[in-house]
């Protein structure tokens, strides 16, 4: 999917509406059976109808980080002290091979990865994404977009950004309120 100033708001709205269309599975009296259902039974609705609520949650929360991150880049292309020259981003939502986002402008090239994790898993996930991004030797910019609550000081990462590794923390709960009121978990 290509995202730019013209379509980002609609894509975000449509995606969040699709997420809100998910029909949650009913819990059962047997806790283990309920847990098994949440982890294994396909949802049958939403953006990932053929996977369980557990798997859909992982994908959806990462997708939302991508969408709000790209929206941020399109409205304010500065990450730390680096101004990005891109007006359009190609994104891959869900679990796919390759990079989560790519952009080109003239001969300048960006590759990026996005994720939504708990603080306890941030360093492991960040290290893995850095290794993955560094395999693309032709990229001028490498970008990691992540949920701001994954770290205690998201400004630290934002400010340490440089073209070889950019960090964009995204507050998905604050950004989402513009579209649909929500209480963060």
Protein backbone atom coordinates (compact mmCIF):
# COMPACT_ATOMS: atom_id res chain seq x y z
CA UNK A 1 0.00 0.00 0.00
CA UNK A 2 1.27 3.48 -0.84
CA UNK A 3 0.63 6.19 1.73
CA UNK A 4 0.88 9.93 1.10
CA UNK A 5 -0.70 13.21 2.27
CA UNK A 6 -3.76 12.55 0.09
CA UNK A 7 -4.76 9.16 1.49
CA UNK A 8 -3.22 8.71 4.96
CA UNK A 9 -6.20 10.00 6.97
CA UNK A 10 -8.69 7.80 5.07
CA UNK A 11 -6.46 4.73 5.35
CA UNK A 12 -6.13 5.27 9.11
CA UNK A 13 -9.87 5.78 9.55
CA UNK A 14 -10.75 2.75 7.42
CA UNK A 15 -8.24 0.55 9.24
CA UNK A 16 -9.46 1.58 12.70
CA UNK A 17 -13.08 0.99 11.64
CA UNK A 18 -12.11 -2.50 10.42
CA UNK A 19 -10.42 -3.20 13.76
CA UNK A 20 -13.54 -2.06 15.60
CA UNK A 21 -15.62 -4.51 13.52
CA UNK A 22 -13.90 -7.49 15.17
CA UNK A 23 -16.33 -9.82 16.89
CA UNK A 24 -14.57 -10.91 20.07
CA UNK A 25 -14.90 -14.57 21.05
CA UNK A 26 -17.08 -15.32 24.06
CA UNK A 27 -15.18 -16.42 27.13
CA UNK A 28 -16.02 -19.78 28.61
CA UNK A 29 -16.26 -20.92 32.22
CA UNK A 30 -13.15 -23.06 31.71
CA UNK A 31 -10.20 -20.66 31.83
CA UNK A 32 -7.86 -22.98 29.90
CA UNK A 33 -10.45 -23.45 27.14
CA UNK A 34 -10.89 -19.67 26.92
CA UNK A 35 -7.14 -19.17 26.69
CA UNK A 36 -6.88 -21.83 24.01
CA UNK A 37 -9.66 -20.16 22.03
CA UNK A 38 -8.00 -16.73 22.26
CA UNK A 39 -4.69 -18.20 21.13
CA UNK A 40 -5.88 -20.58 18.39
CA UNK A 41 -9.45 -20.07 17.11
CA UNK A 42 -9.67 -17.83 14.00
CA UNK A 43 -11.54 -14.58 14.62
CA UNK A 44 -13.62 -14.61 11.45
CA UNK A 45 -13.70 -10.78 11.34
CA UNK A 46 -11.49 -7.69 11.21
CA UNK A 47 -8.32 -7.16 9.19
CA UNK A 48 -7.03 -10.68 9.94
CA UNK A 49 -10.10 -12.95 10.05
CA UNK A 50 -8.12 -16.17 9.56
CA UNK A 51 -5.94 -15.85 12.67
CA UNK A 52 -6.65 -15.96 16.39
CA UNK A 53 -7.31 -12.92 18.56
CA UNK A 54 -3.84 -13.36 20.04
CA UNK A 55 -2.11 -13.27 16.63
CA UNK A 56 -4.42 -10.56 15.25
CA UNK A 57 -3.60 -8.37 18.28
CA UNK A 58 0.13 -8.57 17.55
CA UNK A 59 -0.37 -7.71 13.89
CA UNK A 60 -2.92 -4.96 14.47
CA UNK A 61 -0.88 -3.15 17.13
CA UNK A 62 2.19 -3.20 14.85
CA UNK A 63 0.09 -2.05 11.87
CA UNK A 64 -1.19 0.89 13.91
CA UNK A 65 2.39 1.86 14.79
CA UNK A 66 3.22 1.82 11.07
CA UNK A 67 0.16 3.86 10.07
CA UNK A 68 0.55 6.53 12.75
CA UNK A 69 4.31 6.61 12.21
CA UNK A 70 3.89 7.25 8.48
CA UNK A 71 1.23 9.85 9.19
CA UNK A 72 3.72 11.60 11.47
CA UNK A 73 6.43 11.43 8.77
CA UNK A 74 4.08 12.88 6.15
CA UNK A 75 3.03 15.80 8.35
CA UNK A 76 6.46 16.43 9.90
CA UNK A 77 9.31 14.77 7.99
CA UNK A 78 11.91 15.59 10.63
CA UNK A 79 13.19 12.75 12.84
CA UNK A 80 15.61 14.08 15.42
CA UNK A 81 17.79 16.48 13.43
CA UNK A 82 17.26 14.64 10.15
CA UNK A 83 14.77 15.93 7.57
CA UNK A 84 13.51 13.16 5.31
CA UNK A 85 12.89 13.95 1.61
CA UNK A 86 10.01 11.50 1.09
CA UNK A 87 6.39 12.34 0.20
CA UNK A 88 5.18 8.76 -0.15
CA UNK A 89 5.84 5.55 1.75
CA UNK A 90 5.17 1.98 0.66
CA UNK A 91 4.04 -0.05 3.65
CA UNK A 92 3.46 -3.75 4.22
CA UNK A 93 0.92 -4.41 6.96
CA UNK A 94 0.76 -7.73 8.76
CA UNK A 95 3.50 -10.29 9.02
CA UNK A 96 5.36 -10.31 5.72
CA UNK A 97 8.88 -10.85 4.52
CA UNK A 98 10.87 -7.81 3.51
CA UNK A 99 10.66 -4.44 5.17
CA UNK A 100 7.60 -2.88 6.79
CA UNK A 101 8.15 0.35 4.91
CA UNK A 102 10.17 1.72 2.03
CA UNK A 103 10.49 5.09 0.35
CA UNK A 104 12.46 6.62 -2.49
CA UNK A 105 13.03 10.18 -3.60
CA UNK A 106 15.38 10.65 -6.52
CA UNK A 107 18.40 8.56 -5.60
CA UNK A 108 17.67 8.62 -1.84
CA UNK A 109 16.30 5.42 -0.31
CA UNK A 110 14.75 4.53 3.06
CA UNK A 111 13.98 1.14 4.59
CA UNK A 112 12.11 0.78 7.84
CA UNK A 113 10.73 -1.61 10.39
CA UNK A 114 7.97 -1.05 12.92
CA UNK A 115 6.85 -2.87 16.04
CA UNK A 116 4.75 -2.61 19.17
CA UNK A 117 6.25 -4.34 22.22
CA UNK A 118 6.30 -4.27 26.00
CA UNK A 119 9.21 -2.48 27.69
CA UNK A 120 10.64 -5.83 28.76
CA UNK A 121 11.08 -6.92 25.12
CA UNK A 122 12.13 -3.61 23.55
CA UNK A 123 15.92 -4.06 23.56
CA UNK A 124 15.69 -7.54 22.06
CA UNK A 125 13.30 -6.42 19.31
CA UNK A 126 15.29 -3.25 18.58
CA UNK A 127 18.53 -5.21 18.23
CA UNK A 128 16.87 -7.66 15.86
CA UNK A 129 15.46 -4.84 13.71
CA UNK A 130 18.82 -3.03 13.57
CA UNK A 131 20.47 -6.22 12.30
CA UNK A 132 17.74 -6.65 9.70
CA UNK A 133 17.96 -3.03 8.50
CA UNK A 134 21.75 -3.13 8.24
CA UNK A 135 21.55 -5.94 5.68
CA UNK A 136 20.31 -3.36 3.15
CA UNK A 137 23.62 -1.69 2.36
CA UNK A 138 22.14 0.58 -0.33
CA UNK A 139 19.72 2.40 2.00
CA UNK A 140 20.54 6.02 2.79
CA UNK A 141 18.14 5.99 5.73
CA UNK A 142 17.19 3.22 8.14
CA UNK A 143 14.14 3.80 10.32
CA UNK A 144 12.66 2.04 13.32
CA UNK A 145 9.14 3.06 14.35
CA UNK A 146 7.95 1.77 17.73
CA UNK A 147 5.30 2.38 20.37
CA UNK A 148 6.45 5.19 22.66
CA UNK A 149 5.45 3.26 25.79
CA UNK A 150 8.05 0.58 24.96
CA UNK A 151 10.74 2.79 26.52
CA UNK A 152 10.91 5.03 29.57
CA UNK A 153 12.37 7.97 27.63
CA UNK A 154 11.23 7.99 24.01
CA UNK A 155 12.84 11.43 23.46
CA UNK A 156 16.25 9.82 24.00
CA UNK A 157 15.83 7.63 20.93
CA UNK A 158 14.24 10.38 18.85
CA UNK A 159 17.12 12.78 19.58
CA UNK A 160 19.86 10.22 18.89
CA UNK A 161 18.54 9.65 15.36
CA UNK A 162 20.92 9.98 12.44
CA UNK A 163 20.43 8.90 8.79
CA UNK A 164 22.09 5.53 9.37
CA UNK A 165 19.54 4.74 12.13
CA UNK A 166 16.44 6.82 12.79
CA UNK A 167 14.11 6.19 15.73
CA UNK A 168 10.48 7.32 15.69
CA UNK A 169 8.49 6.59 18.85
CA UNK A 170 4.72 6.82 18.27
CA UNK A 171 2.04 7.40 20.90
CA UNK A 172 -0.68 5.28 19.31
CA UNK A 173 -3.11 5.87 22.17
CA UNK A 174 -2.90 9.65 22.03
CA UNK A 175 -2.95 9.72 18.21
CA UNK A 176 -5.88 7.31 18.02
CA UNK A 177 -8.15 9.55 20.12
CA UNK A 178 -8.48 11.86 17.12
CA UNK A 179 -10.21 9.01 15.29
CA UNK A 180 -11.97 6.95 17.98
CA UNK A 181 -12.09 7.68 21.75
CA UNK A 182 -10.25 4.95 23.64
CA UNK A 183 -8.83 4.09 27.02
CA UNK A 184 -5.24 2.80 26.71
CA UNK A 185 -4.36 -0.62 28.11
